[in-house]
Protein backbone atom coordinates (compact mmCIF):
# COMPACT_ATOMS: atom_id res chain seq x y z
CA UNK A 1 222.01 183.46 17.92
CA UNK A 2 224.70 181.21 19.05
CA UNK A 3 227.08 184.21 19.58
CA UNK A 4 224.38 186.01 21.57
CA UNK A 5 223.78 182.78 23.74
CA UNK A 6 227.46 182.45 24.53
CA UNK A 7 227.67 186.17 25.25
CA UNK A 8 224.87 185.84 27.76
CA UNK A 9 226.49 182.74 29.40
CA UNK A 10 229.68 184.76 29.68
CA UNK A 11 227.88 187.64 31.41
CA UNK A 12 226.28 185.14 33.77
CA UNK A 13 229.53 183.40 34.64
CA UNK A 14 231.26 186.66 35.17
CA UNK A 15 228.56 187.76 37.52
CA UNK A 16 228.90 184.67 39.56
CA UNK A 17 232.54 184.96 39.82
CA UNK A 18 232.23 188.65 40.93
CA UNK A 19 229.74 187.71 43.51
CA UNK A 20 231.93 184.79 44.92
CA UNK A 21 234.86 187.19 44.93
CA UNK A 22 232.83 189.80 46.79
CA UNK A 23 231.78 187.26 49.45
CA UNK A 24 235.40 186.03 49.71
CA UNK A 25 236.62 189.53 50.12
CA UNK A 26 234.17 190.21 52.84
CA UNK A 27 235.12 186.97 54.59
CA UNK A 28 238.76 187.75 54.59
CA UNK A 29 238.53 191.44 55.75
CA UNK A 30 235.76 190.94 58.35
CA UNK A 31 236.36 187.56 60.24
CA UNK A 32 233.28 185.97 61.89
CA UNK A 33 232.89 186.96 65.51
CA UNK A 34 233.76 184.43 68.23
CA UNK A 35 232.55 185.93 71.55
CA UNK A 36 229.32 187.42 72.82
CA UNK A 37 229.41 191.10 72.74
CA UNK A 38 229.47 193.06 75.97
CA UNK A 39 231.77 193.86 78.86
CA UNK A 40 232.67 190.58 80.73
CA UNK A 41 234.54 189.89 83.96
CA UNK A 42 236.39 186.46 83.69
CA UNK A 43 238.93 184.86 86.06
CA UNK A 44 241.74 182.33 85.91
CA UNK A 45 244.05 180.84 88.53
CA UNK A 46 247.57 182.35 88.54
CA UNK A 47 250.38 181.30 90.83
CA UNK A 48 249.14 183.00 94.17
CA UNK A 49 245.71 184.12 93.34
CA UNK A 50 242.67 184.44 91.05
CA UNK A 51 243.19 186.82 88.23
CA UNK A 52 240.19 188.78 87.26
CA UNK A 53 240.11 190.66 83.98
CA UNK A 54 237.56 192.89 82.40
CA UNK A 55 237.24 192.06 78.68
CA UNK A 56 235.23 194.17 76.20
CA UNK A 57 233.87 192.43 73.13
CA UNK A 58 232.45 194.21 70.08
CA UNK A 59 230.92 192.43 67.03
CA UNK A 60 232.27 189.27 68.35
CA UNK A 61 235.88 190.40 68.71
CA UNK A 62 238.01 191.34 71.81
CA UNK A 63 238.54 195.15 71.75
CA UNK A 64 240.26 195.70 75.11
CA UNK A 65 241.48 193.79 78.15
CA UNK A 66 242.39 195.17 81.55
CA UNK A 67 243.09 193.88 85.03
CA UNK A 68 240.36 194.18 87.69
CA UNK A 69 242.30 192.39 90.51
CA UNK A 70 245.13 189.96 91.24
CA UNK A 71 247.50 189.10 94.16
CA UNK A 72 250.32 187.85 92.06
CA UNK A 73 253.98 189.07 92.44
CA UNK A 74 253.60 192.63 91.03
CA UNK A 75 256.83 192.73 89.01
CA UNK A 76 256.15 189.43 87.25
CA UNK A 77 252.34 190.25 86.70
CA UNK A 78 253.47 193.53 84.95
CA UNK A 79 255.32 191.35 82.48
CA UNK A 80 252.46 188.95 82.01
CA UNK A 81 250.19 191.91 81.08
CA UNK A 82 252.18 192.32 77.83
CA UNK A 83 249.93 189.55 76.55
CA UNK A 84 246.88 191.82 76.48
CA UNK A 85 247.78 193.43 73.11
CA UNK A 86 248.39 190.01 71.72
CA UNK A 87 245.07 188.72 72.94
CA UNK A 88 243.34 191.54 71.24
CA UNK A 89 245.18 191.08 68.07
CA UNK A 90 244.52 187.38 67.85
CA UNK A 91 240.94 187.69 69.28
CA UNK A 92 241.53 185.11 71.84
CA UNK A 93 244.20 183.12 73.75
CA UNK A 94 244.84 180.39 71.19
CA UNK A 95 248.56 179.97 69.94
CA UNK A 96 249.85 182.43 72.53
CA UNK A 97 252.78 181.24 74.72
CA UNK A 98 253.42 182.34 78.31
CA UNK A 99 255.92 185.25 79.08
CA UNK A 100 259.19 183.96 80.27
CA UNK A 101 259.61 184.40 83.97
CA UNK A 102 255.81 184.86 84.44
CA UNK A 103 254.52 181.57 83.38
CA UNK A 104 251.90 181.20 86.09
CA UNK A 105 250.51 184.64 85.79
CA UNK A 106 250.49 184.33 81.99
CA UNK A 107 248.46 181.15 82.19
CA UNK A 108 246.04 182.72 84.62
CA UNK A 109 245.35 185.48 82.14
CA UNK A 110 245.02 183.13 79.23
CA UNK A 111 242.76 180.82 81.19
CA UNK A 112 240.51 183.84 82.11
CA UNK A 113 240.08 184.75 78.33
CA UNK A 114 239.34 181.11 77.70
CA UNK A 115 236.39 181.59 79.99
CA UNK A 116 234.72 184.31 77.77
CA UNK A 117 231.13 183.32 76.70
CA UNK A 118 231.16 182.24 73.13
CA UNK A 119 228.59 182.91 70.46
CA UNK A 120 228.36 179.04 69.71
CA UNK A 121 227.83 178.21 73.40
CA UNK A 122 230.95 176.06 73.63
CA UNK A 123 233.53 176.06 76.57
CA UNK A 124 236.75 174.60 75.44
CA UNK A 125 238.93 172.90 78.08
CA UNK A 126 241.97 175.23 78.78
CA UNK A 127 245.46 173.71 78.08
CA UNK A 128 248.33 175.30 79.95
CA UNK A 129 251.20 176.71 77.85
CA UNK A 130 254.95 177.04 78.56
CA UNK A 131 257.12 180.14 78.14
CA UNK A 132 258.07 181.40 74.71
CA UNK A 133 261.73 181.28 73.66
CA UNK A 134 263.65 184.53 74.09
CA UNK A 135 266.52 183.56 71.85
CA UNK A 136 267.49 186.28 69.36
CA UNK A 137 264.54 188.44 70.46
CA UNK A 138 266.15 191.96 70.41
CA UNK A 139 262.71 193.58 70.86
CA UNK A 140 262.08 191.72 74.22
CA UNK A 141 260.56 194.39 76.46
CA UNK A 142 259.77 194.42 80.23
CA UNK A 143 257.46 196.75 82.04
CA UNK A 144 258.54 199.10 84.79
CA UNK A 145 258.31 202.76 85.65
CA UNK A 146 261.13 205.02 86.92
CA UNK A 147 259.10 208.19 86.69
CA UNK A 148 259.48 210.46 89.75
CA UNK A 149 256.56 211.87 91.66
CA UNK A 150 255.64 215.26 90.15
CA UNK A 151 255.45 218.32 92.25
CA UNK A 152 257.32 219.11 95.59
CA UNK A 153 258.12 216.35 98.06
CA UNK A 154 259.67 217.28 101.39
CA UNK A 155 260.43 215.77 104.76
CA UNK A 156 263.06 214.38 107.15
CA UNK A 157 266.01 212.79 105.20
CA UNK A 158 267.72 209.51 106.00
CA UNK A 159 270.36 207.85 103.85
CA UNK A 160 272.62 204.74 104.36
CA UNK A 161 275.03 203.03 101.97
CA UNK A 162 277.38 200.13 102.32
CA UNK A 163 279.14 197.61 100.18
CA UNK A 164 278.07 194.02 99.98
CA UNK A 165 278.51 190.81 98.06
CA UNK A 166 281.86 191.18 96.50
CA UNK A 167 281.96 194.88 96.44
CA UNK A 168 278.64 196.13 95.04
CA UNK A 169 277.52 199.43 96.53
CA UNK A 170 273.94 199.53 97.88
CA UNK A 171 272.34 202.70 98.99
CA UNK A 172 268.92 203.42 100.58
CA UNK A 173 267.16 206.84 100.71
CA UNK A 174 264.20 207.30 103.04
CA UNK A 175 262.12 210.42 103.66
CA UNK A 176 259.55 210.54 106.35
CA UNK A 177 256.91 213.16 107.26
CA UNK A 178 258.57 215.73 109.55
CA UNK A 179 255.30 215.85 111.61
CA UNK A 180 254.90 212.03 111.71
CA UNK A 181 258.15 210.10 111.35
CA UNK A 182 256.18 206.75 111.07
CA UNK A 183 254.88 207.98 107.69
CA UNK A 184 257.29 206.89 104.86
CA UNK A 185 256.71 209.29 102.03
CA UNK A 186 259.64 208.15 99.86
CA UNK A 187 261.65 204.94 99.80
CA UNK A 188 264.46 204.53 97.11
CA UNK A 189 266.96 201.90 96.74
CA UNK A 190 269.93 201.94 94.26
CA UNK A 191 272.93 199.82 93.62
CA UNK A 192 276.23 200.34 91.61
CA UNK A 193 278.18 197.52 90.17
CA UNK A 194 281.29 196.68 91.99
CA UNK A 195 284.55 198.31 90.60
CA UNK A 196 285.80 194.93 89.44
CA UNK A 197 282.51 193.78 87.91
CA UNK A 198 283.07 191.17 85.28
CA UNK A 199 281.22 193.29 82.59
CA UNK A 200 283.37 196.32 82.35
CA UNK A 201 280.39 198.35 80.95
CA UNK A 202 278.62 198.20 84.32
CA UNK A 203 281.64 198.84 86.68
CA UNK A 204 280.53 201.50 89.17
CA UNK A 205 277.43 202.17 87.10
CA UNK A 206 274.12 202.86 88.98
CA UNK A 207 271.50 200.14 88.13
CA UNK A 208 268.24 202.00 88.75
CA UNK A 209 268.01 204.16 85.58
CA UNK A 210 270.60 202.68 83.36
CA UNK A 211 270.85 200.03 80.56
CA UNK A 212 271.62 197.44 83.12
CA UNK A 213 267.92 196.63 83.65
CA UNK A 214 267.54 195.79 79.92
CA UNK A 215 270.59 193.56 79.83
CA UNK A 216 269.24 191.79 82.94
CA UNK A 217 265.84 191.48 81.31
CA UNK A 218 267.15 189.55 78.28
CA UNK A 219 269.18 187.20 80.47
CA UNK A 220 266.74 186.58 83.41
CA UNK A 221 263.37 187.62 82.11
CA UNK A 222 262.95 190.30 84.69
CA UNK A 223 264.71 193.65 85.25
CA UNK A 224 266.71 194.31 88.47
CA UNK A 225 264.71 197.47 89.21
CA UNK A 226 261.40 195.56 89.32
CA UNK A 227 262.10 194.05 92.80
CA UNK A 228 263.29 197.32 94.12
CA UNK A 229 260.14 199.12 93.07
CA UNK A 230 257.89 196.44 94.46
CA UNK A 231 259.61 196.66 97.83
CA UNK A 232 259.61 200.57 97.78
CA UNK A 233 255.79 200.41 97.14
CA UNK A 234 255.39 197.99 100.02
CA UNK A 235 257.35 200.31 102.32
CA UNK A 236 255.55 203.46 101.52
CA UNK A 237 252.06 201.94 101.50
CA UNK A 238 252.51 200.02 104.79
CA UNK A 239 255.01 202.39 106.34
CA UNK A 240 257.20 199.43 106.91
CA UNK A 241 261.12 199.41 106.98
CA UNK A 242 261.82 196.23 108.82
CA UNK A 243 261.03 192.54 108.03
CA UNK A 244 261.01 189.32 110.12
CA UNK A 245 263.55 186.61 109.30
CA UNK A 246 262.17 183.48 107.63
CA UNK A 247 262.71 180.60 110.11
CA UNK A 248 262.56 178.10 107.33
CA UNK A 249 264.91 179.90 104.90
CA UNK A 250 267.12 177.47 102.80
CA UNK A 251 269.89 179.28 100.75
CA UNK A 252 270.00 176.40 98.32
CA UNK A 253 266.50 177.37 97.04
CA UNK A 254 267.53 180.94 96.26
CA UNK A 255 266.72 180.75 92.50
CA UNK A 256 263.72 178.55 92.67
CA UNK A 257 260.64 180.83 92.38
CA UNK A 258 258.22 178.19 93.40
CA UNK A 259 259.84 177.44 96.63
CA UNK A 260 258.33 179.22 99.68
CA UNK A 261 261.48 179.02 101.67
CA UNK A 262 263.80 180.62 99.27
CA UNK A 263 263.75 184.05 100.83
CA UNK A 264 265.55 185.16 103.98
CA UNK A 265 262.72 187.40 105.15
CA UNK A 266 258.97 186.98 105.60
CA UNK A 267 256.46 189.24 103.85
CA UNK A 268 258.56 190.39 100.95
CA UNK A 269 257.92 190.01 97.20
CA UNK A 270 260.97 189.72 95.01
CA UNK A 271 262.24 187.88 92.02
CA UNK A 272 265.30 185.87 91.21
CA UNK A 273 268.03 188.12 89.72
CA UNK A 274 267.52 190.85 92.39
CA UNK A 275 267.04 188.76 95.50
CA UNK A 276 270.70 189.13 96.76
CA UNK A 277 270.38 192.93 96.37
CA UNK A 278 267.15 193.17 98.38
CA UNK A 279 268.07 190.68 101.04
CA UNK A 280 271.73 191.52 101.49
CA UNK A 281 271.63 195.20 100.97
CA UNK A 282 268.22 197.02 100.88
CA UNK A 283 266.53 195.31 103.95
CA UNK A 284 269.77 195.76 106.17
CA UNK A 285 270.17 199.33 105.12
CA UNK A 286 266.48 200.14 105.82
CA UNK A 287 266.80 198.38 109.22
CA UNK A 288 269.44 200.81 110.10
CA UNK A 289 267.38 203.76 109.00
CA UNK A 290 264.42 202.40 110.97
CA UNK A 291 266.60 202.42 114.09
CA UNK A 292 267.59 206.02 113.52
CA UNK A 293 263.96 207.03 112.98
CA UNK A 294 262.97 205.34 116.26
CA UNK A 295 265.80 207.32 118.05
CA UNK A 296 264.50 210.54 116.53
CA UNK A 297 267.84 211.12 114.89
CA UNK A 298 267.31 213.33 111.74
CA UNK A 299 269.74 216.09 111.05
CA UNK A 300 268.61 217.01 107.62
CA UNK A 301 265.69 218.16 105.53
CA UNK A 302 264.98 216.68 102.02
CA UNK A 303 263.36 218.68 99.15
CA UNK A 304 262.52 217.41 95.70
CA UNK A 305 260.75 218.87 92.73
CA UNK A 306 259.97 217.05 89.60
CA UNK A 307 258.39 218.65 86.47
CA UNK A 308 257.70 217.52 82.97
CA UNK A 309 259.51 219.48 80.28
CA UNK A 310 257.20 220.92 77.71
CA UNK A 311 257.80 222.05 74.13
CA UNK A 312 256.79 225.44 72.78
CA UNK A 313 253.19 224.20 72.23
CA UNK A 314 252.88 222.99 75.81
CA UNK A 315 253.21 219.26 74.92
CA UNK A 316 255.34 216.95 77.06
CA UNK A 317 258.72 216.10 75.36
CA UNK A 318 258.97 212.77 77.05
CA UNK A 319 261.60 214.15 79.54
CA UNK A 320 261.01 214.93 83.24
CA UNK A 321 263.52 217.16 85.18
CA UNK A 322 264.15 216.42 88.86
CA UNK A 323 266.00 218.34 91.48
CA UNK A 324 266.86 217.13 94.94
CA UNK A 325 268.32 219.25 97.73
CA UNK A 326 269.32 218.19 101.23
CA UNK A 327 270.00 220.89 103.96
CA UNK A 328 271.45 220.57 107.37
CA UNK A 329 268.88 221.60 109.97
CA UNK A 330 271.19 223.67 112.02
CA UNK A 331 273.40 225.33 109.59
CA UNK A 332 270.74 225.55 106.88
CA UNK A 333 273.51 224.74 104.24
CA UNK A 334 273.14 222.21 101.41
CA UNK A 335 274.67 218.91 102.22
CA UNK A 336 273.72 217.08 99.09
CA UNK A 337 272.40 218.03 95.65
CA UNK A 338 271.31 216.03 92.61
CA UNK A 339 269.81 217.13 89.28
CA UNK A 340 268.68 214.80 86.64
CA UNK A 341 266.59 214.48 83.50
CA UNK A 342 264.60 211.32 83.26
CA UNK A 343 263.22 209.75 80.03
CA UNK A 344 259.62 208.43 79.62
CA UNK A 345 258.88 204.84 80.20
CA UNK A 346 257.84 204.31 76.58
CA UNK A 347 259.61 205.32 73.27
CA UNK A 348 256.25 206.72 71.90
CA UNK A 349 256.25 209.31 74.45
CA UNK A 350 259.54 210.77 73.68
CA UNK A 351 259.26 213.42 70.89
CA UNK A 352 262.94 213.72 69.91
CA UNK A 353 263.67 210.55 67.71
CA UNK A 354 267.39 210.66 68.77
CA UNK A 355 266.41 210.23 72.33
CA UNK A 356 263.93 207.35 72.07
CA UNK A 357 266.62 204.84 72.62
CA UNK A 358 266.98 206.03 76.20
CA UNK A 359 263.45 205.27 77.44
CA UNK A 360 263.30 204.19 81.09
CA UNK A 361 266.73 205.73 81.66
CA UNK A 362 268.05 208.97 82.95
CA UNK A 363 270.65 211.17 81.54
CA UNK A 364 272.87 210.85 84.60
CA UNK A 365 272.73 207.01 84.86
CA UNK A 366 272.72 206.18 81.14
CA UNK A 367 275.97 204.67 79.81
CA UNK A 368 275.29 205.55 76.31
CA UNK A 369 273.58 208.96 76.46
CA UNK A 370 275.69 211.73 74.92
CA UNK A 371 275.14 215.32 76.01
CA UNK A 372 275.09 217.63 72.97
CA UNK A 373 277.40 220.04 74.95
CA UNK A 374 280.20 217.64 74.33
CA UNK A 375 280.71 216.77 77.93
CA UNK A 376 279.24 214.08 80.02
CA UNK A 377 275.87 214.99 81.76
CA UNK A 378 277.12 213.12 84.80
CA UNK A 379 280.27 215.26 84.84
CA UNK A 380 278.20 218.40 84.71
CA UNK A 381 276.03 217.36 87.49
CA UNK A 382 278.75 216.03 89.65
CA UNK A 383 280.34 219.57 89.38
CA UNK A 384 277.06 221.12 90.44
CA UNK A 385 276.90 218.83 93.53
CA UNK A 386 280.35 219.78 94.47
CA UNK A 387 279.74 223.45 93.82
CA UNK A 388 276.60 223.55 96.10
CA UNK A 389 278.00 221.42 99.01
CA UNK A 390 281.00 223.66 99.10
CA UNK A 391 278.78 226.66 99.71
CA UNK A 392 278.20 227.98 96.15
CA UNK A 393 274.96 229.70 95.10
CA UNK A 394 272.21 227.77 93.50
CA UNK A 395 272.04 230.41 90.85
CA UNK A 396 275.60 231.57 90.29
CA UNK A 397 276.78 228.61 88.23
CA UNK A 398 278.73 230.28 85.36
CA UNK A 399 282.02 228.53 86.52
CA UNK A 400 280.49 225.05 85.98
CA UNK A 401 280.96 223.01 82.79
CA UNK A 402 278.91 223.79 79.66
CA UNK A 403 277.05 226.79 81.26
CA UNK A 404 278.01 228.93 78.22
CA UNK A 405 279.31 228.89 74.71
CA UNK A 406 283.12 228.43 74.83
CA UNK A 407 284.70 228.22 71.40
CA UNK A 408 285.52 225.16 69.38
CA UNK A 409 285.38 221.50 70.49
CA UNK A 410 289.12 221.11 69.68
CA UNK A 411 290.01 223.84 72.13
CA UNK A 412 287.66 223.36 75.09
CA UNK A 413 286.01 219.90 74.84
CA UNK A 414 282.45 221.28 74.42
CA UNK A 415 280.93 223.89 72.21
CA UNK A 416 277.73 225.32 73.63
CA UNK A 417 275.62 225.90 76.70
CA UNK A 418 273.72 222.78 77.81
CA UNK A 419 269.92 223.17 77.88
CA UNK A 420 270.00 221.28 81.12
CA UNK A 421 271.19 224.28 83.02
CA UNK A 422 268.16 226.38 82.01
CA UNK A 423 265.85 223.39 83.30
CA UNK A 424 267.87 223.22 86.41
CA UNK A 425 267.67 226.88 87.22
CA UNK A 426 263.94 226.83 86.72
CA UNK A 427 263.48 224.11 89.31
CA UNK A 428 266.18 225.58 91.55
CA UNK A 429 264.22 228.91 91.69
CA UNK A 430 260.96 227.29 92.57
CA UNK A 431 262.42 224.90 95.14
CA UNK A 432 264.43 227.66 96.68
CA UNK A 433 261.29 229.82 97.17
CA UNK A 434 259.53 226.94 98.90
CA UNK A 435 262.48 226.18 101.18
CA UNK A 436 262.92 229.90 102.10
CA UNK A 437 259.22 230.13 102.96
CA UNK A 438 259.71 227.11 105.22
CA UNK A 439 262.89 228.71 106.79
CA UNK A 440 265.17 225.74 106.14
CA UNK A 441 267.84 227.28 103.77
CA UNK A 442 270.22 230.17 103.79
CA UNK A 443 269.92 233.05 101.34
CA UNK A 444 271.50 232.18 97.90
CA UNK A 445 272.66 235.07 95.71
CA UNK A 446 271.54 235.25 92.05
CA UNK A 447 274.03 235.43 89.23
CA UNK A 448 273.09 239.18 88.76
CA UNK A 449 274.43 240.24 92.18
CA UNK A 450 277.00 237.55 92.96
CA UNK A 451 280.57 238.72 92.87
């Protein structure tokens, strides 16, 4: 009897332990909800405006966050939006620091999340947070897009370039509607590091689609290209190429983001780290182009086509091909040509693992990209530009580098035909047909009939 009694007690104790374990397991795997279910619009004060978010809550947990409206500096706010995934993961704003370089926008986002209605009816007071440390953070990522507009883009072409500030080369490309020159359909700024730049890696290297933006991001908390993209968007949306000087401009305040008098021009939205490029190069160059447009001086047509490269199953590879051609209106000859292949904005969209490292860069501008044909992609495309501007056919390119298999690497410097040429020819054929239909380009012989 005693043994039976002890056995029953043992069974009872085990059952209790199992029940407690089960409850504990449920508690750890399914945390108690904190917020009221539903789709909520909440707001918090940023630097320049109220930031309004749409937050979806399911079973007490935040499942998604997206921006409804804001009037913050666009390039900085894009960085602050990186907090969204962290807010979802942590189910709230607690213990999240601001993004360096976007502290005010970050606090506006976190304050908005703090305003979410809670299950227990409480409303904690929001405590502002400072920026997180970037020291040793090799995974620090900024947000910007270098993707070209897909399809065909055409119009009157304007281009200006000039050296500035110790020898950097700034360039500005503007395309306007041929039927309405006041309609800016493309504005694109680029800059190459000066030949004697203190970092040898970036000497004479274009900044727009190269590794330079990542290097700048780790140092300054914002990429160089972000200000350029912000200004370009403004120019195209408002058809505005000139800006009034700021009468209260104070050069000593140049790197102080919170000072309203740090910029040379009114109505522009740029960040420290790229302000000299915009104010000393981009705006003066666009002012020259503006004057040319007002005078009706356009001697060239611009044509561009961009197309996503697909695999055999019709899926995007994460690479976009782009061809630009400029032709003289009178002679109908090509005066400028540029072909490039541009990687997706995110690693996840690039299917080839060996190419993921080049996200938000292009093959032409990247410093580290290596063309499988064993010759530089930029060398190939510079040869194409020279070939076309000297009167060569768009299609007869067999004399250009890596257009065919040519023996061993030791003998020739490259071993096989580059796939880029097939991609180029596909765009060249399509763009040529459009340009011939518009009557703006001379006839170009194909490789089958050229001698």
